[in-house]
């Protein structure tokens, strides 16, 4: 049985297969007769709000022949304090797979352990593996293999998105630079576990110099709203804008995993100049998700 709980735990060969399959699913959308989820019912169990993740997974499950139900954690007994392992043991006897978007990484891992059905991490505070798979698909679609390239992440370098980028860089052989204030750089233990060529710095211009991809995310992640004022104050200088883009390679891509707050992590001019890439990145969530689902049941 396969679970996608973390890019750290995803074997490189499986990572590469998912990326290859995502390309095929995109190319053959509306034409392929493959229905690997036929006769199956999958649940989306979300404790956090979502646009791209929910729509891409619901659409993807249906296009692969499966049925899907959306379960807001507050609408089921989880919201009243039922242990995740009890919910998992119930659902595991009724459904065929689960996609979970929640706060604690341990909840996703415990669900997988006790449900005994394929389980996919659709975002936790620790990692966002599906996002980075779609991001890499987008980069390779536009610029070829990511191996040997330079990816620069700008902003909160300790949140789930850059952590998944760290594990991806180590597995796929590209350089990752994280430009962030010292307090917002990833934990040293994560860097130690990942290995690879990861550079953490407060020097934003140096991190952007010669980069093949400039990437950012919101400064205030879900669950961090109480810290908003302090975060915006500290991260204020870590923005992708036209001045920064000029330091990267002439053909560098700019990405944002959305939603975007113009004037904060990215300025409006730079966002709109790179909108085609950013919304291709969002679209590719569907194709990447289908590849993950197909892998999970194969």
Protein backbone atom coordinates (compact mmCIF):
# COMPACT_ATOMS: atom_id res chain seq x y z
CA UNK A 1 0.00 0.00 0.00
CA UNK A 2 1.27 3.46 -0.94
CA UNK A 3 0.88 6.75 0.91
CA UNK A 4 2.13 10.20 -0.04
CA UNK A 5 2.75 11.68 3.38
CA UNK A 6 5.99 13.56 2.76
CA UNK A 7 8.47 14.15 -0.04
CA UNK A 8 11.13 13.11 2.46
CA UNK A 9 9.67 9.61 2.48
CA UNK A 10 8.87 9.39 -1.24
CA UNK A 11 11.44 7.25 -3.09
CA UNK A 12 13.18 9.10 -5.90
CA UNK A 13 12.05 6.57 -8.51
CA UNK A 14 8.44 7.05 -7.47
CA UNK A 15 8.87 10.84 -7.47
CA UNK A 16 10.17 10.71 -11.03
CA UNK A 17 7.38 8.36 -12.14
CA UNK A 18 4.72 10.71 -10.75
CA UNK A 19 6.30 13.62 -12.64
CA UNK A 20 6.36 11.63 -15.90
CA UNK A 21 2.78 10.51 -15.45
CA UNK A 22 1.61 14.06 -14.71
CA UNK A 23 2.84 15.11 -18.15
CA UNK A 24 0.87 12.27 -19.75
CA UNK A 25 -2.30 13.02 -17.79
CA UNK A 26 -2.13 16.64 -18.94
CA UNK A 27 -1.53 15.72 -22.57
CA UNK A 28 -4.28 13.10 -22.66
CA UNK A 29 -6.93 14.87 -20.58
CA UNK A 30 -10.33 14.17 -22.09
CA UNK A 31 -8.92 11.43 -24.34
CA UNK A 32 -7.57 8.72 -22.05
CA UNK A 33 -9.84 5.82 -21.14
CA UNK A 34 -7.82 4.97 -18.02
CA UNK A 35 -10.04 4.71 -14.93
CA UNK A 36 -7.78 3.41 -12.14
CA UNK A 37 -10.25 4.56 -9.46
CA UNK A 38 -13.32 2.94 -11.03
CA UNK A 39 -15.58 1.51 -8.32
CA UNK A 40 -13.73 3.37 -5.57
CA UNK A 41 -14.88 6.12 -3.20
CA UNK A 42 -12.34 8.58 -1.84
CA UNK A 43 -12.78 11.08 0.98
CA UNK A 44 -11.33 14.57 1.18
CA UNK A 45 -10.95 15.38 4.88
CA UNK A 46 -10.10 19.06 5.23
CA UNK A 47 -9.50 21.05 8.40
CA UNK A 48 -8.08 23.97 6.41
CA UNK A 49 -9.74 26.02 3.69
CA UNK A 50 -8.75 25.37 0.10
CA UNK A 51 -9.39 26.34 -3.51
CA UNK A 52 -6.80 24.68 -5.75
CA UNK A 53 -6.24 21.57 -3.64
CA UNK A 54 -9.92 20.77 -3.20
CA UNK A 55 -10.96 21.43 -6.78
CA UNK A 56 -8.00 19.60 -8.30
CA UNK A 57 -8.48 16.50 -6.14
CA UNK A 58 -12.26 16.36 -6.57
CA UNK A 59 -11.94 16.79 -10.33
CA UNK A 60 -9.02 14.38 -10.55
CA UNK A 61 -10.77 11.60 -8.61
CA UNK A 62 -13.84 11.90 -10.83
CA UNK A 63 -11.79 11.96 -14.04
CA UNK A 64 -10.03 8.77 -12.89
CA UNK A 65 -13.40 7.07 -12.47
CA UNK A 66 -13.86 7.34 -8.71
CA UNK A 67 -16.48 8.81 -6.44
CA UNK A 68 -15.55 11.53 -3.99
CA UNK A 69 -16.98 12.98 -0.78
CA UNK A 70 -15.82 16.17 0.91
CA UNK A 71 -15.68 16.02 4.69
CA UNK A 72 -15.03 19.22 6.57
CA UNK A 73 -13.44 18.20 9.85
CA UNK A 74 -15.96 20.34 11.74
CA UNK A 75 -18.86 18.45 10.15
CA UNK A 76 -17.71 15.02 11.33
CA UNK A 77 -16.80 13.70 14.76
CA UNK A 78 -13.19 14.86 14.42
CA UNK A 79 -14.55 18.33 15.09
CA UNK A 80 -15.95 17.11 18.41
CA UNK A 81 -12.73 15.54 19.57
CA UNK A 82 -12.85 11.99 18.20
CA UNK A 83 -9.27 10.66 17.99
CA UNK A 84 -7.91 10.59 14.44
CA UNK A 85 -7.12 6.89 14.78
CA UNK A 86 -10.79 6.10 15.50
CA UNK A 87 -12.00 8.10 12.51
CA UNK A 88 -9.36 6.32 10.44
CA UNK A 89 -10.48 2.86 11.53
CA UNK A 90 -14.09 3.66 10.68
CA UNK A 91 -13.42 5.21 7.28
CA UNK A 92 -10.91 2.53 6.39
CA UNK A 93 -13.75 0.00 6.41
CA UNK A 94 -15.93 2.12 4.12
CA UNK A 95 -13.81 4.03 1.61
CA UNK A 96 -10.84 3.25 -0.60
CA UNK A 97 -8.54 6.23 -0.05
CA UNK A 98 -8.24 9.56 1.74
CA UNK A 99 -6.83 12.99 0.96
CA UNK A 100 -6.18 15.00 4.12
CA UNK A 101 -5.51 18.73 4.56
CA UNK A 102 -4.89 19.59 8.17
CA UNK A 103 -2.51 21.13 10.71
CA UNK A 104 -0.47 18.38 12.33
CA UNK A 105 1.71 16.08 10.22
CA UNK A 106 1.17 13.42 12.88
CA UNK A 107 -2.56 13.35 12.08
CA UNK A 108 -1.93 12.37 8.46
CA UNK A 109 0.61 9.75 9.48
CA UNK A 110 -1.69 8.32 12.16
CA UNK A 111 -4.61 8.19 9.75
CA UNK A 112 -2.51 6.23 7.24
CA UNK A 113 -1.37 3.82 9.94
CA UNK A 114 -4.82 3.03 11.32
CA UNK A 115 -7.02 3.31 8.23
CA UNK A 116 -4.93 0.91 6.14
CA UNK A 117 -6.01 2.69 2.96
CA UNK A 118 -3.92 4.92 0.62
CA UNK A 119 -3.54 8.32 2.26
CA UNK A 120 -2.37 11.54 0.62
CA UNK A 121 -1.06 14.61 2.41
CA UNK A 122 -2.85 17.56 0.81
CA UNK A 123 -1.06 19.99 3.17
CA UNK A 124 0.03 20.02 6.77
CA UNK A 125 1.99 22.57 8.75
CA UNK A 126 5.08 20.44 8.08
CA UNK A 127 4.88 19.75 4.33
CA UNK A 128 2.97 20.41 1.10
CA UNK A 129 4.20 17.62 -1.18
CA UNK A 130 1.50 17.83 -3.85
CA UNK A 131 2.19 21.52 -4.42
CA UNK A 132 5.88 20.98 -5.09
CA UNK A 133 5.20 18.08 -7.47
CA UNK A 134 3.01 20.41 -9.56
CA UNK A 135 5.63 23.17 -9.31
CA UNK A 136 8.37 20.93 -10.65
CA UNK A 137 6.07 19.69 -13.40
CA UNK A 138 5.53 23.32 -14.39
CA UNK A 139 9.23 24.17 -14.36
CA UNK A 140 10.14 21.16 -16.48
CA UNK A 141 7.28 21.84 -18.89
CA UNK A 142 8.66 25.31 -19.55
CA UNK A 143 12.42 24.92 -19.04
CA UNK A 144 13.33 21.22 -19.21
CA UNK A 145 14.85 19.04 -16.47
CA UNK A 146 15.22 20.72 -13.10
CA UNK A 147 18.35 18.74 -12.18
CA UNK A 148 21.34 21.08 -11.96
CA UNK A 149 19.20 24.23 -11.87
CA UNK A 150 18.95 26.88 -9.15
CA UNK A 151 15.67 27.48 -7.33
CA UNK A 152 15.42 30.47 -4.99
CA UNK A 153 12.67 30.60 -2.40
CA UNK A 154 11.96 34.06 -0.98
CA UNK A 155 10.11 34.74 2.28
CA UNK A 156 9.13 32.45 5.15
CA UNK A 157 11.67 29.69 4.65
CA UNK A 158 10.49 27.64 7.61
CA UNK A 159 6.93 26.94 6.42
CA UNK A 160 5.60 23.80 4.72
CA UNK A 161 6.27 24.80 1.10
CA UNK A 162 10.04 25.46 1.37
CA UNK A 163 10.41 22.37 3.56
CA UNK A 164 8.98 20.25 0.74
CA UNK A 165 11.25 22.09 -1.70
CA UNK A 166 14.21 21.09 0.51
CA UNK A 167 13.43 17.38 0.21
CA UNK A 168 12.73 17.71 -3.51
CA UNK A 169 16.06 19.42 -4.14
CA UNK A 170 17.96 16.69 -2.34
CA UNK A 171 16.19 13.93 -4.26
CA UNK A 172 16.19 15.47 -7.73
CA UNK A 173 19.62 17.11 -7.73
CA UNK A 174 19.03 20.85 -8.01
CA UNK A 175 20.31 23.70 -5.85
CA UNK A 176 17.84 25.36 -3.48
CA UNK A 177 18.54 28.78 -2.02
CA UNK A 178 16.30 30.02 0.77
CA UNK A 179 16.36 33.78 1.29
CA UNK A 180 14.78 34.55 4.65
CA UNK A 181 15.44 36.39 7.91
CA UNK A 182 17.29 34.22 10.40
CA UNK A 183 14.14 33.56 12.44
CA UNK A 184 12.35 32.29 9.33
CA UNK A 185 14.98 29.88 8.06
CA UNK A 186 14.35 26.12 8.17
CA UNK A 187 15.31 23.99 11.12
CA UNK A 188 18.86 22.66 11.03
CA UNK A 189 17.61 19.12 11.65
CA UNK A 190 15.52 19.21 8.47
CA UNK A 191 18.55 20.36 6.48
CA UNK A 192 20.65 17.61 8.03
CA UNK A 193 18.10 14.91 7.18
CA UNK A 194 17.63 16.12 3.63
CA UNK A 195 21.21 16.57 2.54
CA UNK A 196 21.62 17.98 -0.96
CA UNK A 197 22.76 21.46 -1.94
CA UNK A 198 20.68 23.81 0.21
CA UNK A 199 21.81 27.36 0.96
CA UNK A 200 20.06 29.47 3.61
CA UNK A 201 20.86 33.17 3.68
CA UNK A 202 19.56 36.57 4.70
CA UNK A 203 21.20 38.04 1.58
CA UNK A 204 18.29 38.26 -0.87
CA UNK A 205 20.23 39.69 -3.86
CA UNK A 206 22.87 36.97 -3.55
CA UNK A 207 20.22 34.27 -3.39
CA UNK A 208 18.48 35.59 -6.50
CA UNK A 209 21.65 36.05 -8.55
CA UNK A 210 21.66 33.69 -11.53
CA UNK A 211 18.60 31.75 -10.34
CA UNK A 212 16.52 29.73 -12.78
CA UNK A 213 13.38 30.05 -10.67
CA UNK A 214 12.23 32.64 -8.15
CA UNK A 215 9.49 31.33 -5.89
CA UNK A 216 7.48 32.78 -3.04
CA UNK A 217 4.54 32.05 -0.77
CA UNK A 218 2.41 34.09 1.63
CA UNK A 219 4.09 35.58 4.66
CA UNK A 220 1.22 34.60 6.95
CA UNK A 221 0.31 30.93 6.56
CA UNK A 222 -2.97 29.46 7.78
CA UNK A 223 -2.86 29.14 11.55
CA UNK A 224 -0.34 32.00 11.88
CA UNK A 225 -2.84 34.88 11.69
CA UNK A 226 -2.14 35.98 15.26
CA UNK A 227 1.46 36.65 14.20
CA UNK A 228 0.52 38.66 11.11
CA UNK A 229 1.72 42.09 12.23
CA UNK A 230 5.10 40.83 13.41
CA UNK A 231 5.59 38.59 10.37
CA UNK A 232 4.86 41.38 7.91
CA UNK A 233 7.26 43.65 9.76
CA UNK A 234 10.14 41.15 9.71
CA UNK A 235 9.55 39.77 6.21
CA UNK A 236 8.90 43.17 4.64
CA UNK A 237 12.14 43.25 2.68
CA UNK A 238 11.77 39.74 1.24
CA UNK A 239 9.66 40.46 -1.80
CA UNK A 240 9.86 39.31 -5.41
CA UNK A 241 9.75 42.43 -7.57
CA UNK A 242 11.16 43.68 -10.85
CA UNK A 243 14.46 44.70 -9.26
CA UNK A 244 14.97 41.18 -7.90
CA UNK A 245 13.93 39.50 -11.15
CA UNK A 246 16.69 41.37 -12.98
CA UNK A 247 19.27 39.60 -10.79
CA UNK A 248 18.10 36.16 -11.88
CA UNK A 249 18.79 34.53 -15.22
CA UNK A 250 17.20 36.30 -18.21
CA UNK A 251 14.83 33.37 -18.76
CA UNK A 252 14.11 32.79 -15.08
CA UNK A 253 10.59 31.76 -14.11
CA UNK A 254 8.64 33.37 -11.29
CA UNK A 255 6.18 31.19 -9.37
CA UNK A 256 3.72 31.63 -6.53
CA UNK A 257 1.64 28.79 -5.07
CA UNK A 258 -1.32 31.15 -4.42
CA UNK A 259 -3.24 32.84 -2.98
CA UNK A 260 -1.07 35.89 -3.64
CA UNK A 261 -1.07 39.10 -1.63
CA UNK A 262 0.16 41.73 -4.04
CA UNK A 263 2.35 44.33 -2.42
CA UNK A 264 3.61 41.91 0.19
CA UNK A 265 5.51 38.76 -0.91
CA UNK A 266 5.26 39.84 -4.57
CA UNK A 267 4.42 43.16 -6.18
CA UNK A 268 1.49 43.51 -8.57
CA UNK A 269 3.63 44.30 -11.62
CA UNK A 270 5.77 41.19 -11.22
CA UNK A 271 2.78 38.98 -10.51
CA UNK A 272 0.96 40.08 -13.65
CA UNK A 273 4.10 39.83 -15.78
CA UNK A 274 4.38 36.19 -14.74
CA UNK A 275 0.69 35.34 -14.52
CA UNK A 276 0.81 32.75 -17.30
CA UNK A 277 3.41 30.71 -15.41
CA UNK A 278 1.64 31.13 -12.08
CA UNK A 279 -1.73 30.00 -13.38
CA UNK A 280 -0.18 27.15 -15.36
CA UNK A 281 1.35 26.14 -12.04
CA UNK A 282 -2.15 26.22 -10.49
CA UNK A 283 -3.64 24.23 -13.38
CA UNK A 284 -0.94 21.60 -13.06
CA UNK A 285 -2.19 20.79 -9.58
CA UNK A 286 -4.93 18.80 -11.34
CA UNK A 287 -2.56 16.79 -13.51
CA UNK A 288 -0.05 16.21 -10.72
CA UNK A 289 -2.83 15.14 -8.36
CA UNK A 290 -4.09 12.62 -10.91
CA UNK A 291 -0.57 11.22 -11.20
CA UNK A 292 -0.33 10.90 -7.42
CA UNK A 293 -3.71 9.15 -7.21
CA UNK A 294 -2.78 6.77 -10.02
CA UNK A 295 0.53 5.97 -8.30
CA UNK A 296 -1.19 5.36 -4.98
CA UNK A 297 -3.41 2.60 -6.35
CA UNK A 298 -0.98 1.04 -8.82
